[in-house]
């Protein structure tokens, strides 16, 4: 059971980080009219891939 709880907690952490990063990116685009850097987008995509791997395992 603790393994499932740990996995669930890890997923929550990943989701919080992703949400925060996306919020920041959204504010930059809407408020400052600045597009995100390609590397920033790639980093978020990699985080999402990691999350998918975690969920699927």
PDB file of N, CA and C in Angstrom:
ATOM      1  N   UNK A   1       0.809  -1.208   0.000  1.00  0.00           N
ATOM      2  CA  UNK A   1       0.000   0.000   0.000  1.00  0.00           C
ATOM      3  C   UNK A   1       0.850   1.268   0.000  1.00  0.00           C
ATOM      4  N   UNK A   2       1.950   1.234   0.685  1.00  0.00           N
ATOM      5  CA  UNK A   2       2.770   2.442   0.749  1.00  0.00           C
ATOM      6  C   UNK A   2       3.348   2.780  -0.619  1.00  0.00           C
ATOM      7  N   UNK A   3       3.596   1.755  -1.425  1.00  0.00           N
ATOM      8  CA  UNK A   3       4.100   1.995  -2.774  1.00  0.00           C
ATOM      9  C   UNK A   3       3.074   2.767  -3.597  1.00  0.00           C
ATOM     10  N   UNK A   4       1.818   2.407  -3.476  1.00  0.00           N
ATOM     11  CA  UNK A   4       0.752   3.109  -4.185  1.00  0.00           C
ATOM     12  C   UNK A   4       0.606   4.535  -3.678  1.00  0.00           C
ATOM     13  N   UNK A   5       0.721   4.708  -2.396  1.00  0.00           N
ATOM     14  CA  UNK A   5       0.635   6.060  -1.822  1.00  0.00           C
ATOM     15  C   UNK A   5       1.794   6.917  -2.294  1.00  0.00           C
ATOM     16  N   UNK A   6       2.972   6.337  -2.329  1.00  0.00           N
ATOM     17  CA  UNK A   6       4.144   7.082  -2.782  1.00  0.00           C
ATOM     18  C   UNK A   6       4.002   7.469  -4.250  1.00  0.00           C
ATOM     19  N   UNK A   7       3.515   6.540  -5.050  1.00  0.00           N
ATOM     20  CA  UNK A   7       3.307   6.817  -6.470  1.00  0.00           C
ATOM     21  C   UNK A   7       2.284   7.932  -6.642  1.00  0.00           C
ATOM     22  N   UNK A   8       1.216   7.862  -5.868  1.00  0.00           N
ATOM     23  CA  UNK A   8       0.184   8.887  -5.934  1.00  0.00           C
ATOM     24  C   UNK A   8       0.753  10.244  -5.536  1.00  0.00           C
ATOM     25  N   UNK A   9       1.558  10.271  -4.508  1.00  0.00           N
ATOM     26  CA  UNK A   9       2.177  11.516  -4.064  1.00  0.00           C
ATOM     27  C   UNK A   9       3.134  12.067  -5.123  1.00  0.00           C
ATOM     28  N   UNK A  10       3.893  11.183  -5.750  1.00  0.00           N
ATOM     29  CA  UNK A  10       4.795  11.603  -6.821  1.00  0.00           C
ATOM     30  C   UNK A  10       4.023  12.211  -7.997  1.00  0.00           C
ATOM     31  N   UNK A  11       2.903  11.601  -8.333  1.00  0.00           N
ATOM     32  CA  UNK A  11       2.072  12.125  -9.419  1.00  0.00           C
ATOM     33  C   UNK A  11       1.558  13.515  -9.049  1.00  0.00           C
ATOM     34  N   UNK A  12       1.127  13.678  -7.814  1.00  0.00           N
ATOM     35  CA  UNK A  12       0.649  14.989  -7.372  1.00  0.00           C
ATOM     36  C   UNK A  12       1.748  16.045  -7.467  1.00  0.00           C
ATOM     37  N   UNK A  13       2.949  15.684  -7.084  1.00  0.00           N
ATOM     38  CA  UNK A  13       4.079  16.616  -7.147  1.00  0.00           C
ATOM     39  C   UNK A  13       4.349  17.015  -8.587  1.00  0.00           C
ATOM     40  N   UNK A  14       4.395  16.034  -9.478  1.00  0.00           N
ATOM     41  CA  UNK A  14       4.622  16.321 -10.899  1.00  0.00           C
ATOM     42  C   UNK A  14       3.530  17.239 -11.437  1.00  0.00           C
ATOM     43  N   UNK A  15       2.281  16.935 -11.086  1.00  0.00           N
ATOM     44  CA  UNK A  15       1.172  17.742 -11.583  1.00  0.00           C
ATOM     45  C   UNK A  15       1.231  19.172 -11.063  1.00  0.00           C
ATOM     46  N   UNK A  16       1.590  19.343  -9.811  1.00  0.00           N
ATOM     47  CA  UNK A  16       1.728  20.694  -9.259  1.00  0.00           C
ATOM     48  C   UNK A  16       2.800  21.481  -9.992  1.00  0.00           C
ATOM     49  N   UNK A  17       3.932  20.840 -10.223  1.00  0.00           N
ATOM     50  CA  UNK A  17       5.028  21.507 -10.936  1.00  0.00           C
ATOM     51  C   UNK A  17       4.605  21.886 -12.357  1.00  0.00           C
ATOM     52  N   UNK A  18       3.980  20.952 -13.041  1.00  0.00           N
ATOM     53  CA  UNK A  18       3.525  21.223 -14.401  1.00  0.00           C
ATOM     54  C   UNK A  18       2.511  22.359 -14.425  1.00  0.00           C
ATOM     55  N   UNK A  19       1.585  22.310 -13.505  1.00  0.00           N
ATOM     56  CA  UNK A  19       0.556  23.351 -13.436  1.00  0.00           C
ATOM     57  C   UNK A  19       1.184  24.714 -13.206  1.00  0.00           C
ATOM     58  N   UNK A  20       2.126  24.787 -12.294  1.00  0.00           N
ATOM     59  CA  UNK A  20       2.794  26.049 -12.003  1.00  0.00           C
ATOM     60  C   UNK A  20       3.573  26.561 -13.224  1.00  0.00           C
ATOM     61  N   UNK A  21       4.288  25.664 -13.854  1.00  0.00           N
ATOM     62  CA  UNK A  21       5.043  26.051 -15.050  1.00  0.00           C
ATOM     63  C   UNK A  21       4.118  26.542 -16.159  1.00  0.00           C
ATOM     64  N   UNK A  22       3.015  25.856 -16.342  1.00  0.00           N
ATOM     65  CA  UNK A  22       2.070  26.258 -17.382  1.00  0.00           C
ATOM     66  C   UNK A  22       1.393  27.585 -17.047  1.00  0.00           C
ATOM     67  N   UNK A  23       1.104  27.804 -15.779  1.00  0.00           N
ATOM     68  CA  UNK A  23       0.520  29.083 -15.367  1.00  0.00           C
ATOM     69  C   UNK A  23       1.482  30.228 -15.667  1.00  0.00           C
ATOM     70  N   UNK A  24       2.747  30.026 -15.335  1.00  0.00           N
ATOM     71  CA  UNK A  24       3.749  31.060 -15.593  1.00  0.00           C
ATOM     72  C   UNK A  24       3.868  31.333 -17.085  1.00  0.00           C
ATOM     73  N   UNK A  25       3.876  30.272 -17.867  1.00  0.00           N
ATOM     74  CA  UNK A  25       3.973  30.423 -19.314  1.00  0.00           C
ATOM     75  C   UNK A  25       2.756  31.164 -19.854  1.00  0.00           C
ATOM     76  N   UNK A  26       1.603  30.815 -19.354  1.00  0.00           N
ATOM     77  CA  UNK A  26       0.369  31.458 -19.791  1.00  0.00           C
ATOM     78  C   UNK A  26       0.385  32.957 -19.465  1.00  0.00           C
ATOM     79  N   UNK A  27       0.837  33.301 -18.280  1.00  0.00           N
ATOM     80  CA  UNK A  27       0.914  34.712 -17.905  1.00  0.00           C
ATOM     81  C   UNK A  27       1.881  35.479 -18.796  1.00  0.00           C
ATOM     82  N   UNK A  28       2.986  34.868 -19.115  1.00  0.00           N
ATOM     83  CA  UNK A  28       3.939  35.519 -20.016  1.00  0.00           C
ATOM     84  C   UNK A  28       3.311  35.777 -21.380  1.00  0.00           C
ATOM     85  N   UNK A  29       2.558  34.821 -21.860  1.00  0.00           N
ATOM     86  CA  UNK A  29       1.952  34.961 -23.182  1.00  0.00           C
ATOM     87  C   UNK A  29       0.828  36.000 -23.142  1.00  0.00           C
ATOM     88  N   UNK A  30      -0.034  35.934 -22.157  1.00  0.00           N
ATOM     89  CA  UNK A  30      -1.202  36.818 -22.129  1.00  0.00           C
ATOM     90  C   UNK A  30      -0.882  38.220 -21.631  1.00  0.00           C
ATOM     91  N   UNK A  31      -0.074  38.333 -20.589  1.00  0.00           N
ATOM     92  CA  UNK A  31       0.204  39.647 -20.004  1.00  0.00           C
ATOM     93  C   UNK A  31       1.351  40.369 -20.699  1.00  0.00           C
ATOM     94  N   UNK A  32       2.413  39.652 -20.951  1.00  0.00           N
ATOM     95  CA  UNK A  32       3.609  40.283 -21.502  1.00  0.00           C
ATOM     96  C   UNK A  32       3.734  40.107 -23.016  1.00  0.00           C
ATOM     97  N   UNK A  33       2.829  39.326 -23.573  1.00  0.00           N
ATOM     98  CA  UNK A  33       2.838  39.044 -25.009  1.00  0.00           C
ATOM     99  C   UNK A  33       4.184  38.496 -25.482  1.00  0.00           C
ATOM    100  N   UNK A  34       4.720  37.591 -24.678  1.00  0.00           N
ATOM    101  CA  UNK A  34       6.005  36.960 -24.978  1.00  0.00           C
ATOM    102  C   UNK A  34       5.775  35.465 -25.157  1.00  0.00           C
ATOM    103  N   UNK A  35       6.217  34.948 -26.280  1.00  0.00           N
ATOM    104  CA  UNK A  35       6.100  33.508 -26.506  1.00  0.00           C
ATOM    105  C   UNK A  35       7.162  32.761 -25.695  1.00  0.00           C
ATOM    106  N   UNK A  36       6.830  31.570 -25.244  1.00  0.00           N
ATOM    107  CA  UNK A  36       7.817  30.804 -24.473  1.00  0.00           C
ATOM    108  C   UNK A  36       8.989  30.363 -25.340  1.00  0.00           C
ATOM    109  N   UNK A  37      10.100  30.186 -24.708  1.00  0.00           N
ATOM    110  CA  UNK A  37      11.286  29.694 -25.396  1.00  0.00           C
ATOM    111  C   UNK A  37      11.073  28.223 -25.758  1.00  0.00           C
ATOM    112  N   UNK A  38      11.547  27.811 -26.903  1.00  0.00           N
ATOM    113  CA  UNK A  38      11.383  26.410 -27.303  1.00  0.00           C
ATOM    114  C   UNK A  38      11.928  25.423 -26.262  1.00  0.00           C
ATOM    115  N   UNK A  39      13.037  25.772 -25.629  1.00  0.00           N
ATOM    116  CA  UNK A  39      13.599  24.876 -24.611  1.00  0.00           C
ATOM    117  C   UNK A  39      12.676  24.733 -23.410  1.00  0.00           C
ATOM    118  N   UNK A  40      11.967  25.807 -23.051  1.00  0.00           N
ATOM    119  CA  UNK A  40      11.025  25.746 -21.937  1.00  0.00           C
ATOM    120  C   UNK A  40       9.860  24.809 -22.266  1.00  0.00           C
ATOM    121  N   UNK A  41       9.407  24.883 -23.496  1.00  0.00           N
ATOM    122  CA  UNK A  41       8.322  24.002 -23.938  1.00  0.00           C
ATOM    123  C   UNK A  41       8.801  22.550 -23.937  1.00  0.00           C
ATOM    124  N   UNK A  42      10.007  22.328 -24.394  1.00  0.00           N
ATOM    125  CA  UNK A  42      10.572  20.970 -24.419  1.00  0.00           C
ATOM    126  C   UNK A  42      10.712  20.417 -23.001  1.00  0.00           C
ATOM    127  N   UNK A  43      11.121  21.250 -22.079  1.00  0.00           N
ATOM    128  CA  UNK A  43      11.243  20.806 -20.688  1.00  0.00           C
ATOM    129  C   UNK A  43       9.895  20.366 -20.133  1.00  0.00           C
ATOM    130  N   UNK A  44       8.861  21.146 -20.413  1.00  0.00           N
ATOM    131  CA  UNK A  44       7.525  20.772 -19.955  1.00  0.00           C
ATOM    132  C   UNK A  44       7.043  19.480 -20.608  1.00  0.00           C
ATOM    133  N   UNK A  45       7.348  19.330 -21.867  1.00  0.00           N
ATOM    134  CA  UNK A  45       6.968  18.094 -22.556  1.00  0.00           C
ATOM    135  C   UNK A  45       7.683  16.895 -21.935  1.00  0.00           C
ATOM    136  N   UNK A  46       8.942  17.066 -21.600  1.00  0.00           N
ATOM    137  CA  UNK A  46       9.689  15.983 -20.952  1.00  0.00           C
ATOM    138  C   UNK A  46       9.105  15.651 -19.588  1.00  0.00           C
ATOM    139  N   UNK A  47       8.703  16.670 -18.849  1.00  0.00           N
ATOM    140  CA  UNK A  47       8.074  16.425 -17.547  1.00  0.00           C
ATOM    141  C   UNK A  47       6.769  15.654 -17.718  1.00  0.00           C
ATOM    142  N   UNK A  48       6.031  15.982 -18.758  1.00  0.00           N
ATOM    143  CA  UNK A  48       4.780  15.269 -19.013  1.00  0.00           C
ATOM    144  C   UNK A  48       5.055  13.816 -19.388  1.00  0.00           C
ATOM    145  N   UNK A  49       6.100  13.589 -20.143  1.00  0.00           N
ATOM    146  CA  UNK A  49       6.493  12.222 -20.498  1.00  0.00           C
ATOM    147  C   UNK A  49       6.865  11.428 -19.242  1.00  0.00           C
ATOM    148  N   UNK A  50       7.611  12.058 -18.349  1.00  0.00           N
ATOM    149  CA  UNK A  50       7.985  11.410 -17.100  1.00  0.00           C
ATOM    150  C   UNK A  50       6.758  11.050 -16.292  1.00  0.00           C
ATOM    151  N   UNK A  51       5.811  11.958 -16.263  1.00  0.00           N
ATOM    152  CA  UNK A  51       4.564  11.711 -15.543  1.00  0.00           C
ATOM    153  C   UNK A  51       3.807  10.541 -16.141  1.00  0.00           C
ATOM    154  N   UNK A  52       3.749  10.486 -17.452  1.00  0.00           N
ATOM    155  CA  UNK A  52       3.068   9.362 -18.114  1.00  0.00           C
ATOM    156  C   UNK A  52       3.744   8.035 -17.782  1.00  0.00           C
ATOM    157  N   UNK A  53       5.055   8.032 -17.787  1.00  0.00           N
ATOM    158  CA  UNK A  53       5.786   6.804 -17.442  1.00  0.00           C
ATOM    159  C   UNK A  53       5.489   6.391 -16.015  1.00  0.00           C
ATOM    160  N   UNK A  54       5.440   7.355 -15.117  1.00  0.00           N
ATOM    161  CA  UNK A  54       5.148   7.072 -13.722  1.00  0.00           C
ATOM    162  C   UNK A  54       3.750   6.491 -13.547  1.00  0.00           C
ATOM    163  N   UNK A  55       2.802   7.084 -14.237  1.00  0.00           N
ATOM    164  CA  UNK A  55       1.409   6.618 -14.141  1.00  0.00           C
ATOM    165  C   UNK A  55       1.255   5.220 -14.733  1.00  0.00           C
ATOM    166  N   UNK A  56       1.914   4.974 -15.844  1.00  0.00           N
ATOM    167  CA  UNK A  56       1.770   3.692 -16.530  1.00  0.00           C
ATOM    168  C   UNK A  56       2.490   2.540 -15.818  1.00  0.00           C
ATOM    169  N   UNK A  57       3.477   2.856 -15.018  1.00  0.00           N
ATOM    170  CA  UNK A  57       4.224   1.763 -14.347  1.00  0.00           C
ATOM    171  C   UNK A  57       3.471   1.210 -13.160  1.00  0.00           C
TER     172      UNK A  57
END
